[in-house]
Structure formats: C-alpha cells, structure tokens
Amino acid sequence: MDIKVQYTNEELDFTSKKEYIKENILLKYGEEAENKAATPISISDSSILMDLERKMCLEIFNTWEANKYNLDANNILNENIFVNEEKFIYKTLLGKILRLIPGGVTILSIGINASLAKRFTQALGYAMSELCSSFIESVINKENVDLIEIFTKENLENAMESYLIEYNKTVLN
C-alpha cells in the first residue's frame, strides 16, 4: 500500500487531537448514549446505540483527517468494527469489557443502563481514536503498516479495556 503523507509528526499534534476528541466528541456522544438508555435497554436491543456510535466513530475519523492517510472510515467500520452489528455490543460486553464495569454482571438481568451506555460509548470512541492515532503515527514514521492489523476487534477491545480501567480509577478513588 503506497500512502502519501501530507503531515509530519511535528505538524500533527497528537495530544491536542486526543484532547479535542475527549472533550468534544466523547463527552457529547456519551451524553447522547446516556439519554438513549435512560430506561435500561435489554442486551438484545443494544443495537439501538449503534447508529449513535457509528456517527461518533465517523466524527473521530474526520477529526483525525483519516482520509489524508488513505483510511476509508466507512470501510473500516463496516468490515472491521461493525461487521455484525446485532452482536457487536453483546459480544464485546460479554467479553473482557463486562468484568471491568462495577456491577457489570447484573447487566445480564436488568439491561444496559444510562451509566453503562455512556461509559461503553466513550470507551468505544476512545478506542477508535487510539487506533487512528496508532495507524497515522506508523504512517508518518514510514513504518510498513497494514490498517487491517491495527483495526482489529482485539485491538479495539484492548483499547476499550484500557479506557475503562482508567475510568474506574478516577471514579472509584
């Protein structure tokens, strides 16, 4: 894959981009998810958050100006992240992520509440931002990088896990 880079590492301030995403995108979409789940959503109906989360991810890709690095956001989301929308949240929640959420096991019986919807949406956004950052930094450093190796379900889950661990530290302390 021949990628033409239009920025150098100095021109693209990774810290500022991440901070902007955290303060302007994650907070906004986290609140929207929280509102959608004001009445708990059953696991089987969790896909109602997907349109909101897809929109958030596209905004994150746009913030990173992913198109300048030959990142096709729709393609990545459709083929790597939201491949099977009906099962995405369900599988991710039941995977590594659920155990990181205090009281997460009760979700199976009561559904996704406002707090969980907010945290999960923000964790997903954080993860997408980190994966974009990782890919772009690799391209800028002229590393031989394949976006399919970066935008995997496992990398997404690991980044979400990292976000939730930090979230739990700040909330529980």
N, C-alpha and C. Protein backbone atom coordinates (compact mmCIF):
# COMPACT_ATOMS: atom_id res chain seq x y z
N MET A 1 0.84 -1.16 0.00
CA MET A 1 0.00 0.00 0.00
C MET A 1 0.89 1.24 0.00
N ASP A 2 0.72 2.09 -1.00
CA ASP A 2 1.51 3.31 -1.11
C ASP A 2 0.70 4.46 -0.52
N ILE A 3 1.17 4.98 0.59
CA ILE A 3 0.44 6.03 1.29
C ILE A 3 1.25 7.31 1.24
N LYS A 4 0.62 8.36 0.76
CA LYS A 4 1.27 9.67 0.70
C LYS A 4 0.88 10.44 1.96
N VAL A 5 1.87 10.81 2.72
CA VAL A 5 1.63 11.53 3.96
C VAL A 5 1.71 13.02 3.70
N GLN A 6 0.71 13.74 4.19
CA GLN A 6 0.68 15.18 3.99
C GLN A 6 1.13 15.95 5.23
N TYR A 7 1.38 15.26 6.32
CA TYR A 7 1.81 15.90 7.56
C TYR A 7 3.04 15.21 8.09
N THR A 8 3.82 15.97 8.83
CA THR A 8 4.92 15.37 9.57
C THR A 8 4.46 15.25 11.02
N ASN A 9 5.23 14.55 11.81
CA ASN A 9 4.89 14.37 13.22
C ASN A 9 4.78 15.70 13.95
N GLU A 10 5.62 16.68 13.57
CA GLU A 10 5.58 17.98 14.22
C GLU A 10 4.30 18.74 13.88
N GLU A 11 3.81 18.57 12.65
CA GLU A 11 2.64 19.31 12.22
C GLU A 11 1.35 18.74 12.80
N LEU A 12 1.33 17.49 13.12
CA LEU A 12 0.14 16.85 13.65
C LEU A 12 0.33 16.64 15.15
N ASP A 13 -0.32 17.45 15.92
CA ASP A 13 -0.19 17.39 17.36
C ASP A 13 -1.15 16.33 17.91
N PHE A 14 -0.60 15.16 18.16
CA PHE A 14 -1.41 14.03 18.60
C PHE A 14 -2.12 14.32 19.92
N THR A 15 -1.43 14.96 20.83
CA THR A 15 -2.00 15.26 22.14
C THR A 15 -3.22 16.17 22.01
N SER A 16 -3.11 17.20 21.19
CA SER A 16 -4.22 18.13 21.00
C SER A 16 -5.42 17.44 20.36
N LYS A 17 -5.16 16.60 19.37
CA LYS A 17 -6.25 15.86 18.72
C LYS A 17 -6.97 14.98 19.73
N LYS A 18 -6.21 14.26 20.53
CA LYS A 18 -6.80 13.36 21.52
C LYS A 18 -7.60 14.14 22.55
N GLU A 19 -7.07 15.26 22.97
CA GLU A 19 -7.76 16.09 23.97
C GLU A 19 -9.05 16.66 23.38
N TYR A 20 -8.99 17.10 22.13
CA TYR A 20 -10.19 17.61 21.46
C TYR A 20 -11.26 16.52 21.39
N ILE A 21 -10.86 15.33 21.00
CA ILE A 21 -11.80 14.21 20.88
C ILE A 21 -12.41 13.90 22.24
N LYS A 22 -11.58 13.87 23.26
CA LYS A 22 -12.07 13.57 24.62
C LYS A 22 -13.09 14.61 25.08
N GLU A 23 -12.76 15.87 24.90
CA GLU A 23 -13.60 16.95 25.44
C GLU A 23 -14.82 17.26 24.59
N ASN A 24 -14.74 17.06 23.28
CA ASN A 24 -15.81 17.49 22.39
C ASN A 24 -16.62 16.35 21.78
N ILE A 25 -16.01 15.23 21.56
CA ILE A 25 -16.72 14.13 20.91
C ILE A 25 -17.15 13.08 21.93
N LEU A 26 -16.23 12.61 22.75
CA LEU A 26 -16.59 11.55 23.70
C LEU A 26 -17.65 12.02 24.69
N LEU A 27 -17.50 13.22 25.20
CA LEU A 27 -18.48 13.74 26.15
C LEU A 27 -19.86 13.89 25.50
N LYS A 28 -19.88 14.44 24.30
CA LYS A 28 -21.14 14.67 23.60
C LYS A 28 -21.87 13.34 23.32
N TYR A 29 -21.16 12.39 22.74
CA TYR A 29 -21.81 11.13 22.39
C TYR A 29 -22.09 10.27 23.62
N GLY A 30 -21.26 10.41 24.64
CA GLY A 30 -21.52 9.71 25.88
C GLY A 30 -22.84 10.17 26.50
N GLU A 31 -23.07 11.48 26.46
CA GLU A 31 -24.33 12.02 26.99
C GLU A 31 -25.51 11.57 26.15
N GLU A 32 -25.34 11.53 24.83
CA GLU A 32 -26.43 11.07 23.96
C GLU A 32 -26.77 9.60 24.24
N ALA A 33 -25.74 8.78 24.43
CA ALA A 33 -25.97 7.37 24.75
C ALA A 33 -26.66 7.24 26.09
N GLU A 34 -26.24 8.05 27.04
CA GLU A 34 -26.84 8.05 28.37
C GLU A 34 -28.33 8.37 28.28
N ASN A 35 -28.68 9.34 27.45
CA ASN A 35 -30.08 9.71 27.27
C ASN A 35 -30.89 8.60 26.60
N LYS A 36 -30.28 7.93 25.61
CA LYS A 36 -30.97 6.82 24.93
C LYS A 36 -31.26 5.67 25.88
N ALA A 37 -30.42 5.51 26.88
CA ALA A 37 -30.57 4.39 27.82
C ALA A 37 -31.11 4.85 29.16
N ALA A 38 -31.82 5.98 29.18
CA ALA A 38 -32.42 6.45 30.43
C ALA A 38 -33.32 5.38 31.03
N THR A 39 -34.03 4.68 30.16
CA THR A 39 -34.75 3.47 30.54
C THR A 39 -33.86 2.33 30.07
N PRO A 40 -33.44 1.43 30.96
CA PRO A 40 -32.50 0.38 30.57
C PRO A 40 -32.89 -0.36 29.28
N ILE A 41 -31.88 -0.63 28.49
CA ILE A 41 -32.03 -1.32 27.20
C ILE A 41 -31.62 -2.77 27.40
N SER A 42 -32.42 -3.70 26.93
CA SER A 42 -32.03 -5.11 27.04
C SER A 42 -30.84 -5.36 26.13
N ILE A 43 -30.05 -6.36 26.47
CA ILE A 43 -28.90 -6.71 25.65
C ILE A 43 -29.32 -6.96 24.21
N SER A 44 -30.45 -7.62 24.01
CA SER A 44 -30.89 -7.93 22.65
C SER A 44 -31.27 -6.67 21.87
N ASP A 45 -31.60 -5.58 22.56
CA ASP A 45 -31.95 -4.32 21.89
C ASP A 45 -30.78 -3.33 21.88
N SER A 46 -29.61 -3.77 22.28
CA SER A 46 -28.47 -2.86 22.40
C SER A 46 -28.05 -2.24 21.08
N SER A 47 -28.49 -2.81 19.98
CA SER A 47 -28.11 -2.25 18.68
C SER A 47 -28.70 -0.86 18.46
N ILE A 48 -29.65 -0.41 19.30
CA ILE A 48 -30.19 0.94 19.12
C ILE A 48 -29.13 2.02 19.37
N LEU A 49 -28.06 1.63 20.02
CA LEU A 49 -26.96 2.57 20.24
C LEU A 49 -26.00 2.62 19.04
N MET A 50 -26.13 1.66 18.13
CA MET A 50 -25.16 1.54 17.05
C MET A 50 -25.10 2.74 16.12
N ASP A 51 -26.24 3.31 15.74
CA ASP A 51 -26.22 4.47 14.84
C ASP A 51 -25.47 5.63 15.49
N LEU A 52 -25.73 5.84 16.75
CA LEU A 52 -25.05 6.89 17.50
C LEU A 52 -23.54 6.62 17.55
N GLU A 53 -23.16 5.38 17.84
CA GLU A 53 -21.75 5.04 17.95
C GLU A 53 -21.05 5.09 16.60
N ARG A 54 -21.74 4.70 15.53
CA ARG A 54 -21.16 4.79 14.19
C ARG A 54 -20.92 6.26 13.84
N LYS A 55 -21.89 7.12 14.13
CA LYS A 55 -21.75 8.55 13.87
C LYS A 55 -20.56 9.12 14.64
N MET A 56 -20.42 8.72 15.90
CA MET A 56 -19.30 9.16 16.72
C MET A 56 -17.97 8.73 16.09
N CYS A 57 -17.90 7.48 15.69
CA CYS A 57 -16.65 6.97 15.09
C CYS A 57 -16.30 7.74 13.81
N LEU A 58 -17.30 8.03 12.99
CA LEU A 58 -17.04 8.81 11.77
C LEU A 58 -16.52 10.20 12.11
N GLU A 59 -17.07 10.81 13.14
CA GLU A 59 -16.60 12.13 13.56
C GLU A 59 -15.15 12.05 14.06
N ILE A 60 -14.82 10.97 14.73
CA ILE A 60 -13.44 10.78 15.20
C ILE A 60 -12.49 10.61 14.01
N PHE A 61 -12.89 9.81 13.03
CA PHE A 61 -12.06 9.65 11.82
C PHE A 61 -11.88 11.00 11.12
N ASN A 62 -12.94 11.80 11.04
CA ASN A 62 -12.83 13.12 10.42
C ASN A 62 -11.91 14.05 11.20
N THR A 63 -11.98 13.98 12.52
CA THR A 63 -11.11 14.80 13.35
C THR A 63 -9.65 14.45 13.11
N TRP A 64 -9.38 13.17 12.95
CA TRP A 64 -8.01 12.73 12.67
C TRP A 64 -7.63 12.97 11.20
N GLU A 65 -8.59 13.45 10.41
CA GLU A 65 -8.38 13.65 8.97
C GLU A 65 -7.86 12.36 8.33
N ALA A 66 -8.53 11.29 8.66
CA ALA A 66 -8.10 9.94 8.26
C ALA A 66 -7.99 9.78 6.75
N ASN A 67 -8.82 10.50 6.00
CA ASN A 67 -8.78 10.37 4.55
C ASN A 67 -7.41 10.77 3.97
N LYS A 68 -6.67 11.62 4.67
CA LYS A 68 -5.34 12.02 4.21
C LYS A 68 -4.33 10.89 4.33
N TYR A 69 -4.71 9.84 5.03
CA TYR A 69 -3.82 8.70 5.24
C TYR A 69 -4.41 7.45 4.61
N ASN A 70 -5.25 7.66 3.62
CA ASN A 70 -5.92 6.56 2.91
C ASN A 70 -6.72 5.66 3.83
N LEU A 71 -7.26 6.23 4.88
CA LEU A 71 -8.15 5.47 5.76
C LEU A 71 -9.58 5.73 5.33
N ASP A 72 -10.25 4.72 4.88
CA ASP A 72 -11.65 4.82 4.50
C ASP A 72 -12.48 4.44 5.72
N ALA A 73 -12.98 5.45 6.41
CA ALA A 73 -13.68 5.23 7.67
C ALA A 73 -14.86 4.27 7.52
N ASN A 74 -15.68 4.48 6.50
CA ASN A 74 -16.84 3.60 6.31
C ASN A 74 -16.42 2.16 6.08
N ASN A 75 -15.37 1.97 5.31
CA ASN A 75 -14.88 0.63 5.03
C ASN A 75 -14.37 -0.04 6.31
N ILE A 76 -13.59 0.69 7.09
CA ILE A 76 -13.06 0.14 8.34
C ILE A 76 -14.19 -0.20 9.29
N LEU A 77 -15.15 0.70 9.43
CA LEU A 77 -16.26 0.45 10.35
C LEU A 77 -17.12 -0.72 9.89
N ASN A 78 -17.40 -0.78 8.60
CA ASN A 78 -18.27 -1.84 8.08
C ASN A 78 -17.61 -3.20 8.04
N GLU A 79 -16.31 -3.24 7.74
CA GLU A 79 -15.64 -4.52 7.55
C GLU A 79 -14.84 -4.99 8.76
N ASN A 80 -14.49 -4.09 9.65
CA ASN A 80 -13.65 -4.49 10.78
C ASN A 80 -14.31 -4.32 12.14
N ILE A 81 -15.08 -3.26 12.31
CA ILE A 81 -15.59 -2.93 13.63
C ILE A 81 -17.05 -3.33 13.79
N PHE A 82 -17.89 -2.89 12.89
CA PHE A 82 -19.32 -3.17 12.99
C PHE A 82 -19.75 -4.25 12.00
N VAL A 83 -18.95 -5.28 11.85
CA VAL A 83 -19.24 -6.33 10.89
C VAL A 83 -20.61 -6.95 11.12
N ASN A 84 -20.88 -7.29 12.33
CA ASN A 84 -22.15 -7.91 12.68
C ASN A 84 -22.79 -7.06 13.76
N GLU A 85 -23.48 -6.00 13.34
CA GLU A 85 -23.99 -5.00 14.28
C GLU A 85 -24.83 -5.60 15.40
N GLU A 86 -25.66 -6.56 15.07
CA GLU A 86 -26.56 -7.11 16.08
C GLU A 86 -25.81 -7.75 17.23
N LYS A 87 -24.62 -8.25 16.97
CA LYS A 87 -23.89 -8.97 18.00
C LYS A 87 -22.68 -8.20 18.53
N PHE A 88 -22.37 -7.05 17.94
CA PHE A 88 -21.16 -6.33 18.31
C PHE A 88 -21.14 -5.97 19.80
N ILE A 89 -22.13 -5.22 20.24
CA ILE A 89 -22.14 -4.77 21.63
C ILE A 89 -22.28 -5.96 22.56
N TYR A 90 -23.16 -6.87 22.20
CA TYR A 90 -23.40 -8.04 23.03
C TYR A 90 -22.11 -8.83 23.25
N LYS A 91 -21.40 -9.13 22.16
CA LYS A 91 -20.16 -9.90 22.27
C LYS A 91 -19.09 -9.14 23.03
N THR A 92 -18.99 -7.85 22.76
CA THR A 92 -17.96 -7.06 23.43
C THR A 92 -18.26 -6.95 24.92
N LEU A 93 -19.52 -6.72 25.26
CA LEU A 93 -19.88 -6.63 26.68
C LEU A 93 -19.59 -7.91 27.42
N LEU A 94 -19.89 -9.02 26.79
CA LEU A 94 -19.69 -10.30 27.46
C LEU A 94 -18.24 -10.74 27.44
N GLY A 95 -17.43 -10.05 26.66
CA GLY A 95 -16.01 -10.36 26.61
C GLY A 95 -15.28 -9.71 27.77
N LYS A 96 -14.12 -9.21 27.49
CA LYS A 96 -13.26 -8.61 28.52
C LYS A 96 -13.88 -7.40 29.19
N ILE A 97 -14.72 -6.68 28.49
CA ILE A 97 -15.19 -5.38 28.95
C ILE A 97 -16.12 -5.48 30.16
N LEU A 98 -17.04 -6.42 30.15
CA LEU A 98 -18.06 -6.52 31.18
C LEU A 98 -17.47 -6.63 32.59
N ARG A 99 -16.38 -7.35 32.72
CA ARG A 99 -15.78 -7.54 34.04
C ARG A 99 -15.15 -6.27 34.60
N LEU A 100 -14.93 -5.27 33.74
CA LEU A 100 -14.31 -4.02 34.19
C LEU A 100 -15.31 -3.01 34.70
N ILE A 101 -16.58 -3.33 34.56
CA ILE A 101 -17.61 -2.39 34.95
C ILE A 101 -18.20 -2.84 36.28
N PRO A 102 -18.08 -2.00 37.31
CA PRO A 102 -18.66 -2.38 38.61
C PRO A 102 -20.14 -2.75 38.44
N GLY A 103 -20.50 -3.91 38.93
CA GLY A 103 -21.88 -4.38 38.79
C GLY A 103 -22.21 -4.86 37.41
N GLY A 104 -21.19 -5.08 36.58
CA GLY A 104 -21.40 -5.46 35.19
C GLY A 104 -22.19 -6.73 35.00
N VAL A 105 -22.05 -7.66 35.91
CA VAL A 105 -22.75 -8.93 35.78
C VAL A 105 -24.26 -8.75 35.85
N THR A 106 -24.71 -7.75 36.60
CA THR A 106 -26.16 -7.52 36.70
C THR A 106 -26.76 -7.03 35.40
N ILE A 107 -25.93 -6.61 34.47
CA ILE A 107 -26.42 -6.15 33.17
C ILE A 107 -27.21 -7.25 32.48
N LEU A 108 -26.77 -8.46 32.68
CA LEU A 108 -27.45 -9.57 32.03
C LEU A 108 -28.91 -9.66 32.43
N SER A 109 -29.23 -9.20 33.63
CA SER A 109 -30.62 -9.29 34.08
C SER A 109 -31.39 -7.98 33.91
N ILE A 110 -30.75 -6.82 34.11
CA ILE A 110 -31.50 -5.56 34.02
C ILE A 110 -31.32 -4.83 32.71
N GLY A 111 -30.31 -5.14 31.94
CA GLY A 111 -30.07 -4.45 30.69
C GLY A 111 -29.02 -3.36 30.82
N ILE A 112 -28.83 -2.65 29.74
CA ILE A 112 -27.82 -1.59 29.68
C ILE A 112 -28.47 -0.31 30.21
N ASN A 113 -27.94 0.18 31.33
CA ASN A 113 -28.49 1.41 31.89
C ASN A 113 -27.76 2.63 31.32
N ALA A 114 -28.18 3.82 31.73
CA ALA A 114 -27.63 5.06 31.20
C ALA A 114 -26.13 5.17 31.45
N SER A 115 -25.71 4.83 32.65
CA SER A 115 -24.30 4.93 33.01
C SER A 115 -23.43 4.01 32.15
N LEU A 116 -23.88 2.79 31.96
CA LEU A 116 -23.13 1.84 31.16
C LEU A 116 -23.10 2.27 29.69
N ALA A 117 -24.21 2.73 29.17
CA ALA A 117 -24.26 3.17 27.78
C ALA A 117 -23.26 4.30 27.55
N LYS A 118 -23.21 5.22 28.51
CA LYS A 118 -22.27 6.34 28.41
C LYS A 118 -20.83 5.85 28.44
N ARG A 119 -20.50 5.03 29.43
CA ARG A 119 -19.11 4.53 29.55
C ARG A 119 -18.71 3.70 28.35
N PHE A 120 -19.60 2.83 27.90
CA PHE A 120 -19.27 1.96 26.77
C PHE A 120 -19.07 2.78 25.50
N THR A 121 -19.94 3.76 25.26
CA THR A 121 -19.82 4.61 24.07
C THR A 121 -18.53 5.41 24.12
N GLN A 122 -18.22 5.98 25.28
CA GLN A 122 -16.97 6.74 25.41
C GLN A 122 -15.75 5.83 25.25
N ALA A 123 -15.82 4.63 25.77
CA ALA A 123 -14.71 3.69 25.62
C ALA A 123 -14.51 3.32 24.15
N LEU A 124 -15.60 3.11 23.44
CA LEU A 124 -15.51 2.81 22.01
C LEU A 124 -14.88 3.98 21.26
N GLY A 125 -15.32 5.19 21.56
CA GLY A 125 -14.75 6.37 20.91
C GLY A 125 -13.27 6.54 21.21
N TYR A 126 -12.92 6.35 22.46
CA TYR A 126 -11.51 6.42 22.86
C TYR A 126 -10.70 5.39 22.07
N ALA A 127 -11.21 4.18 22.00
CA ALA A 127 -10.50 3.10 21.29
C ALA A 127 -10.31 3.45 19.82
N MET A 128 -11.35 3.96 19.18
CA MET A 128 -11.23 4.32 17.76
C MET A 128 -10.19 5.43 17.58
N SER A 129 -10.18 6.39 18.48
CA SER A 129 -9.21 7.47 18.40
C SER A 129 -7.78 6.92 18.56
N GLU A 130 -7.60 6.03 19.52
CA GLU A 130 -6.27 5.44 19.73
C GLU A 130 -5.81 4.63 18.52
N LEU A 131 -6.72 3.90 17.91
CA LEU A 131 -6.35 3.10 16.72
C LEU A 131 -6.01 4.02 15.55
N CYS A 132 -6.78 5.09 15.37
CA CYS A 132 -6.45 6.07 14.32
C CYS A 132 -5.08 6.67 14.58
N SER A 133 -4.85 7.08 15.81
CA SER A 133 -3.57 7.67 16.19
C SER A 133 -2.42 6.71 15.91
N SER A 134 -2.60 5.47 16.29
CA SER A 134 -1.56 4.46 16.10
C SER A 134 -1.26 4.27 14.61
N PHE A 135 -2.29 4.17 13.81
CA PHE A 135 -2.09 3.99 12.37
C PHE A 135 -1.38 5.20 11.76
N ILE A 136 -1.87 6.39 12.06
CA ILE A 136 -1.30 7.61 11.48
C ILE A 136 0.15 7.80 11.92
N GLU A 137 0.43 7.53 13.18
CA GLU A 137 1.82 7.64 13.66
C GLU A 137 2.72 6.66 12.93
N SER A 138 2.25 5.46 12.69
CA SER A 138 3.04 4.47 11.95
C SER A 138 3.31 4.94 10.53
N VAL A 139 2.30 5.52 9.89
CA VAL A 139 2.47 6.01 8.52
C VAL A 139 3.47 7.16 8.50
N ILE A 140 3.33 8.09 9.43
CA ILE A 140 4.24 9.24 9.49
C ILE A 140 5.67 8.79 9.71
N ASN A 141 5.84 7.75 10.52
CA ASN A 141 7.18 7.22 10.79
C ASN A 141 7.66 6.27 9.70
N LYS A 142 6.90 6.21 8.62
CA LYS A 142 7.24 5.40 7.45
C LYS A 142 7.42 3.92 7.78
N GLU A 143 6.65 3.45 8.74
CA GLU A 143 6.66 2.03 9.07
C GLU A 143 5.74 1.31 8.10
N ASN A 144 6.10 0.09 7.78
CA ASN A 144 5.25 -0.72 6.91
C ASN A 144 4.06 -1.18 7.74
N VAL A 145 2.91 -0.55 7.52
CA VAL A 145 1.76 -0.81 8.36
C VAL A 145 0.56 -1.20 7.50
N ASP A 146 -0.17 -2.17 7.99
CA ASP A 146 -1.39 -2.62 7.33
C ASP A 146 -2.55 -2.27 8.24
N LEU A 147 -3.46 -1.45 7.75
CA LEU A 147 -4.55 -0.98 8.60
C LEU A 147 -5.39 -2.13 9.13
N ILE A 148 -5.44 -3.24 8.43
CA ILE A 148 -6.22 -4.39 8.88
C ILE A 148 -5.60 -5.00 10.14
N GLU A 149 -4.31 -4.81 10.31
CA GLU A 149 -3.66 -5.32 11.52
C GLU A 149 -3.89 -4.40 12.71
N ILE A 150 -4.21 -3.15 12.47
CA ILE A 150 -4.44 -2.20 13.56
C ILE A 150 -5.91 -2.16 13.96
N PHE A 151 -6.79 -2.11 12.98
CA PHE A 151 -8.22 -2.01 13.26
C PHE A 151 -8.85 -3.39 13.39
N THR A 152 -8.45 -4.08 14.46
CA THR A 152 -9.00 -5.41 14.73
C THR A 152 -9.91 -5.35 15.95
N LYS A 153 -10.75 -6.34 16.08
CA LYS A 153 -11.64 -6.41 17.24
C LYS A 153 -10.81 -6.52 18.53
N GLU A 154 -9.73 -7.28 18.47
CA GLU A 154 -8.88 -7.45 19.66
C GLU A 154 -8.23 -6.12 20.07
N ASN A 155 -7.69 -5.38 19.12
CA ASN A 155 -7.10 -4.08 19.44
C ASN A 155 -8.15 -3.10 19.97
N LEU A 156 -9.33 -3.17 19.38
CA LEU A 156 -10.42 -2.32 19.85
C LEU A 156 -10.79 -2.66 21.29
N GLU A 157 -10.94 -3.94 21.58
CA GLU A 157 -11.27 -4.37 22.94
C GLU A 157 -10.18 -3.99 23.93
N ASN A 158 -8.92 -4.14 23.53
CA ASN A 158 -7.81 -3.79 24.42
C ASN A 158 -7.80 -2.30 24.75
N ALA A 159 -8.06 -1.47 23.75
CA ALA A 159 -8.09 -0.02 23.98
C ALA A 159 -9.31 0.36 24.84
N MET A 160 -10.44 -0.30 24.61
CA MET A 160 -11.62 -0.04 25.44
C MET A 160 -11.35 -0.46 26.88
N GLU A 161 -10.69 -1.59 27.03
CA GLU A 161 -10.34 -2.08 28.36
C GLU A 161 -9.44 -1.07 29.07
N SER A 162 -8.47 -0.55 28.37
CA SER A 162 -7.56 0.45 28.93
C SER A 162 -8.34 1.69 29.39
N TYR A 163 -9.26 2.15 28.57
CA TYR A 163 -10.07 3.32 28.93
C TYR A 163 -10.89 3.03 30.19
N LEU A 164 -11.54 1.88 30.23
CA LEU A 164 -12.40 1.56 31.37
C LEU A 164 -11.61 1.36 32.66
N ILE A 165 -10.40 0.83 32.56
CA ILE A 165 -9.55 0.71 33.75
C ILE A 165 -9.23 2.09 34.30
N GLU A 166 -8.86 3.02 33.42
CA GLU A 166 -8.56 4.38 33.86
C GLU A 166 -9.81 5.06 34.38
N TYR A 167 -10.92 4.85 33.72
CA TYR A 167 -12.20 5.43 34.16
C TYR A 167 -12.53 4.96 35.56
N ASN A 168 -12.40 3.66 35.79
CA ASN A 168 -12.70 3.10 37.11
C ASN A 168 -11.79 3.69 38.18
N LYS A 169 -10.53 3.92 37.85
CA LYS A 169 -9.59 4.50 38.83
C LYS A 169 -10.04 5.90 39.23
N THR A 170 -10.48 6.70 38.27
CA THR A 170 -10.86 8.07 38.59
C THR A 170 -12.20 8.12 39.32
N VAL A 171 -13.11 7.23 38.99
CA VAL A 171 -14.43 7.23 39.62
C VAL A 171 -14.40 6.62 41.00
N LEU A 172 -13.62 5.56 41.16
CA LEU A 172 -13.61 4.84 42.42
C LEU A 172 -12.66 5.42 43.46
N ASN A 173 -11.81 6.35 43.06
CA ASN A 173 -10.86 6.96 44.02
C ASN A 173 -11.31 8.32 44.46
